[in-house]
Every structure is written in structure tokens, then in C-alpha cells.
């Protein structure tokens, strides 16, 4: 059930539907669904929206007036801040959520003498097993000599990590499963 937004603060990841009047052509509710990208502050009249809370496309970020939005579902930032368990449509989204919520530090590749944060898929899998890093994400627009995509490595900050069900080791496992499922 949708809730009209009055003076509520929207949190990153909240799902909203944009008023049909904001579009020149008719669109379905699913086509008008967006996600809050930046948590708003009390008194804000506009909010930054994106197409996906875990993989936002920078070209699709947009500010819209909150008076033209309807809250459809609270996202995981709201849920965690209000001591409610987070929900994920895809298991691979969970480590990405915690990346933004907890924050991360970059981990440079020891095979490159610490000069770069570029890892092959196999190095990423080994890095997870060894506990060198907690999360690997595809490095946009890069591939190695064999044409395989490259990854960036991160370590979760321990701050508030007690809120993660199963802790950081479980997130490493989720990330390892996602890496294994990727085509080599």
C-alpha cells in the first residue's frame, strides 16, 4: 500500500513512485518507481532519486520534489536504523548495502606490490578466503589481458558491524558465491 509523503524523512533505499504528471507520456507504476539515493534531512523539499539502490546509474540520478512522490516501501537504511531486519531481493545486494551503510576502506592488491586496487576474479576469490578483503566489486570499464573483468577490493569498517546478521564472514561468503557464479 502506498503512503503519500507529507513531512516524513525519506531514507536511502526507500522505494517511491513518481507522480504521473512529472512525465510527458503515460507510464505504469513500475516504470515510475525509483529509489531514494541520498537520505533527506528534515526541511528538504527535493530528494535525489536513482534507478537502483545498490547499483545506481550516475546518468539516471535526478532531484525531484517530495510533493510529487508516494512512498511505496521503506528500504533497508530505514529498516536498520529502526532495528528491523533488512530484506534483500537478491543475495548479492546484501554486501553492497552494508558497503554503503558501514563504509569500507580500499584494499590494494599485494600481487601488484600494493600499487593498485585491481584484482582478477581468481585473486578476488583467494583474497576472500584469506580474509584480505571482505568485498569485491566489478571495476567499471576495465578488464585484464585475457579480457576478464577486473575487481576492486574493500574491507568493511567494524563500526556497527554487530548489526549484520551472521557478521562480516557471512558477507564474505555471499560475495564469494556471487564471484563464483560469474562467468570466467
Protein backbone atom coordinates (compact mmCIF):
# COMPACT_ATOMS: atom_id res chain seq x y z
CA UNK A 1 0.00 0.00 0.00
CA UNK A 2 1.34 3.41 -0.95
CA UNK A 3 1.65 6.23 1.52
CA UNK A 4 1.53 9.89 0.40
CA UNK A 5 4.59 11.74 1.65
CA UNK A 6 3.89 14.69 3.88
CA UNK A 7 6.67 15.63 6.24
CA UNK A 8 8.32 12.24 6.53
CA UNK A 9 12.05 11.95 6.09
CA UNK A 10 12.99 9.60 3.29
CA UNK A 11 15.97 7.30 3.75
CA UNK A 12 18.39 6.00 1.16
CA UNK A 13 16.87 2.93 -0.49
CA UNK A 14 13.22 3.82 0.17
CA UNK A 15 11.08 2.91 -2.86
CA UNK A 16 8.90 5.71 -4.19
CA UNK A 17 6.60 6.21 -7.17
CA UNK A 18 6.87 9.48 -9.09
CA UNK A 19 3.62 11.29 -9.87
CA UNK A 20 2.44 10.64 -13.45
CA UNK A 21 2.23 14.42 -14.02
CA UNK A 22 6.05 14.56 -13.99
CA UNK A 23 6.21 12.64 -17.30
CA UNK A 24 5.22 13.75 -20.79
CA UNK A 25 3.97 10.25 -21.72
CA UNK A 26 1.89 7.79 -19.71
CA UNK A 27 3.94 5.34 -17.67
CA UNK A 28 2.98 2.40 -15.46
CA UNK A 29 3.63 2.50 -11.72
CA UNK A 30 6.53 0.06 -12.19
CA UNK A 31 8.11 2.42 -14.75
CA UNK A 32 7.71 5.35 -12.34
CA UNK A 33 9.27 3.51 -9.37
CA UNK A 34 12.58 4.94 -8.18
CA UNK A 35 14.71 4.77 -5.06
CA UNK A 36 15.96 7.46 -2.73
CA UNK A 37 19.70 7.84 -3.36
CA UNK A 38 20.60 10.35 -0.64
CA UNK A 39 18.82 10.37 2.72
CA UNK A 40 17.00 13.67 3.05
CA UNK A 41 17.14 15.97 6.02
CA UNK A 42 14.11 17.46 7.77
CA UNK A 43 13.02 20.54 5.84
CA UNK A 44 14.28 19.33 2.44
CA UNK A 45 11.75 19.87 -0.33
CA UNK A 46 13.57 17.85 -3.00
CA UNK A 47 15.19 14.44 -2.81
CA UNK A 48 17.80 12.75 -5.01
CA UNK A 49 16.44 9.61 -6.69
CA UNK A 50 18.10 6.76 -8.57
CA UNK A 51 17.16 3.68 -10.57
CA UNK A 52 18.67 1.08 -8.23
CA UNK A 53 19.67 1.45 -4.54
CA UNK A 54 22.68 -0.90 -4.83
CA UNK A 55 23.91 -0.24 -8.38
CA UNK A 56 22.83 3.36 -9.13
CA UNK A 57 23.47 4.58 -12.66
CA UNK A 58 25.02 8.07 -12.24
CA UNK A 59 23.39 9.15 -15.52
CA UNK A 60 19.96 8.43 -14.03
CA UNK A 61 20.27 10.41 -10.77
CA UNK A 62 17.68 13.14 -10.50
CA UNK A 63 16.28 15.55 -7.90
CA UNK A 64 12.51 15.70 -7.64
CA UNK A 65 10.14 17.50 -5.25
CA UNK A 66 8.89 15.25 -2.46
CA UNK A 67 5.38 16.58 -3.10
CA UNK A 68 5.42 14.54 -6.35
CA UNK A 69 6.40 11.25 -4.68
CA UNK A 70 4.49 8.45 -3.00
CA UNK A 71 6.30 6.15 -0.57
CA UNK A 72 5.80 2.53 -1.63
CA UNK A 73 8.16 0.66 0.68
CA UNK A 74 10.75 1.51 3.28
CA UNK A 75 14.25 0.47 2.29
CA UNK A 76 16.99 -1.18 4.28
CA UNK A 77 18.60 2.02 5.54
CA UNK A 78 15.33 2.87 7.30
CA UNK A 79 14.90 -0.74 8.46
CA UNK A 80 18.36 -0.99 10.03
CA UNK A 81 18.12 2.46 11.64
CA UNK A 82 14.81 1.38 13.20
CA UNK A 83 16.09 -2.03 14.40
CA UNK A 84 14.13 -4.01 11.81
CA UNK A 85 15.88 -6.79 9.87
CA UNK A 86 16.85 -5.76 6.33
CA UNK A 87 15.29 -7.54 3.34
CA UNK A 88 17.06 -8.24 0.04
CA UNK A 89 15.61 -9.26 -3.33
CA UNK A 90 18.98 -10.70 -4.38
CA UNK A 91 21.58 -12.20 -2.00
CA UNK A 92 24.31 -10.33 -3.90
CA UNK A 93 22.69 -6.99 -2.91
CA UNK A 94 23.32 -7.52 0.79
CA UNK A 95 27.11 -6.97 0.80
CA UNK A 96 26.59 -3.86 -1.35
CA UNK A 97 24.07 -2.48 1.13
CA UNK A 98 26.47 -2.97 4.03
CA UNK A 99 29.26 -1.40 1.93
CA UNK A 100 27.35 1.87 1.92
CA UNK A 101 25.88 1.58 5.39
CA UNK A 102 29.07 0.63 7.27
CA UNK A 103 31.60 2.19 4.95
CA UNK A 104 34.68 0.49 3.56
CA UNK A 105 38.38 1.01 3.13
CA UNK A 106 40.18 0.17 -0.08
CA UNK A 107 42.45 -2.88 -0.18
CA UNK A 108 45.31 -2.81 -2.66
CA UNK A 109 46.39 -6.00 -4.41
CA UNK A 110 49.53 -7.48 -2.80
CA UNK A 111 50.31 -9.25 -6.11
CA UNK A 112 50.80 -5.78 -7.60
CA UNK A 113 53.07 -4.69 -4.72
CA UNK A 114 50.21 -2.68 -3.27
CA UNK A 115 50.33 -0.23 -6.19
CA UNK A 116 46.78 -0.79 -7.45
CA UNK A 117 43.32 -1.85 -6.35
CA UNK A 118 42.85 -4.14 -9.35
CA UNK A 119 42.22 -7.85 -8.87
CA UNK A 120 41.43 -10.75 -11.20
CA UNK A 121 38.48 -13.00 -10.37
CA UNK A 122 40.79 -15.73 -9.02
CA UNK A 123 42.78 -13.22 -6.94
CA UNK A 124 39.46 -11.93 -5.56
CA UNK A 125 38.34 -15.44 -4.57
CA UNK A 126 41.73 -16.07 -2.93
CA UNK A 127 41.57 -12.68 -1.16
CA UNK A 128 38.16 -13.52 0.31
CA UNK A 129 39.35 -16.94 1.50
CA UNK A 130 42.43 -15.41 3.11
CA UNK A 131 40.41 -12.61 4.76
CA UNK A 132 42.50 -9.96 2.98
CA UNK A 133 39.29 -8.27 1.80
CA UNK A 134 35.58 -8.59 2.58
CA UNK A 135 34.04 -7.33 -0.66
CA UNK A 136 34.96 -7.27 -4.33
CA UNK A 137 33.03 -5.24 -6.90
CA UNK A 138 33.46 -5.08 -10.66
CA UNK A 139 35.82 -2.28 -11.59
CA UNK A 140 33.89 -0.28 -14.16
CA UNK A 141 35.23 -0.42 -17.71
CA UNK A 142 38.31 -2.49 -17.00
CA UNK A 143 39.50 -5.93 -17.98
CA UNK A 144 42.78 -7.83 -17.87
CA UNK A 145 44.88 -9.05 -20.82
CA UNK A 146 42.63 -12.11 -21.24
CA UNK A 147 39.51 -9.95 -21.43
CA UNK A 148 38.27 -10.97 -17.95
CA UNK A 149 36.69 -8.21 -15.89
CA UNK A 150 38.70 -6.78 -13.04
CA UNK A 151 37.59 -6.11 -9.48
CA UNK A 152 38.20 -3.61 -6.71
CA UNK A 153 38.66 -4.84 -3.14
CA UNK A 154 37.32 -3.40 0.11
CA UNK A 155 37.37 -4.14 3.82
CA UNK A 156 34.27 -3.32 5.86
CA UNK A 157 34.68 -0.91 8.73
CA UNK A 158 33.92 -2.63 12.01
CA UNK A 159 31.74 0.27 13.19
CA UNK A 160 28.25 -1.10 13.90
CA UNK A 161 29.12 -4.42 12.21
CA UNK A 162 27.32 -6.17 15.06
CA UNK A 163 24.09 -5.27 13.21
CA UNK A 164 24.96 -7.60 10.31
CA UNK A 165 23.11 -10.92 10.69
CA UNK A 166 25.87 -13.55 10.66
CA UNK A 167 28.56 -10.87 10.70
CA UNK A 168 31.20 -9.97 8.14
CA UNK A 169 32.25 -13.61 7.49
CA UNK A 170 28.76 -14.32 6.12
CA UNK A 171 29.02 -11.29 3.81
CA UNK A 172 32.34 -12.65 2.51
CA UNK A 173 30.55 -15.92 1.72
CA UNK A 174 27.77 -14.09 -0.15
CA UNK A 175 30.38 -12.18 -2.16
CA UNK A 176 32.33 -15.39 -2.84
CA UNK A 177 29.14 -17.07 -4.13
CA UNK A 178 28.45 -14.11 -6.43
CA UNK A 179 32.03 -14.20 -7.79
CA UNK A 180 31.84 -17.95 -8.41
CA UNK A 181 28.54 -17.53 -10.27
CA UNK A 182 30.10 -15.00 -12.66
CA UNK A 183 31.28 -16.41 -15.97
CA UNK A 184 35.09 -16.59 -16.07
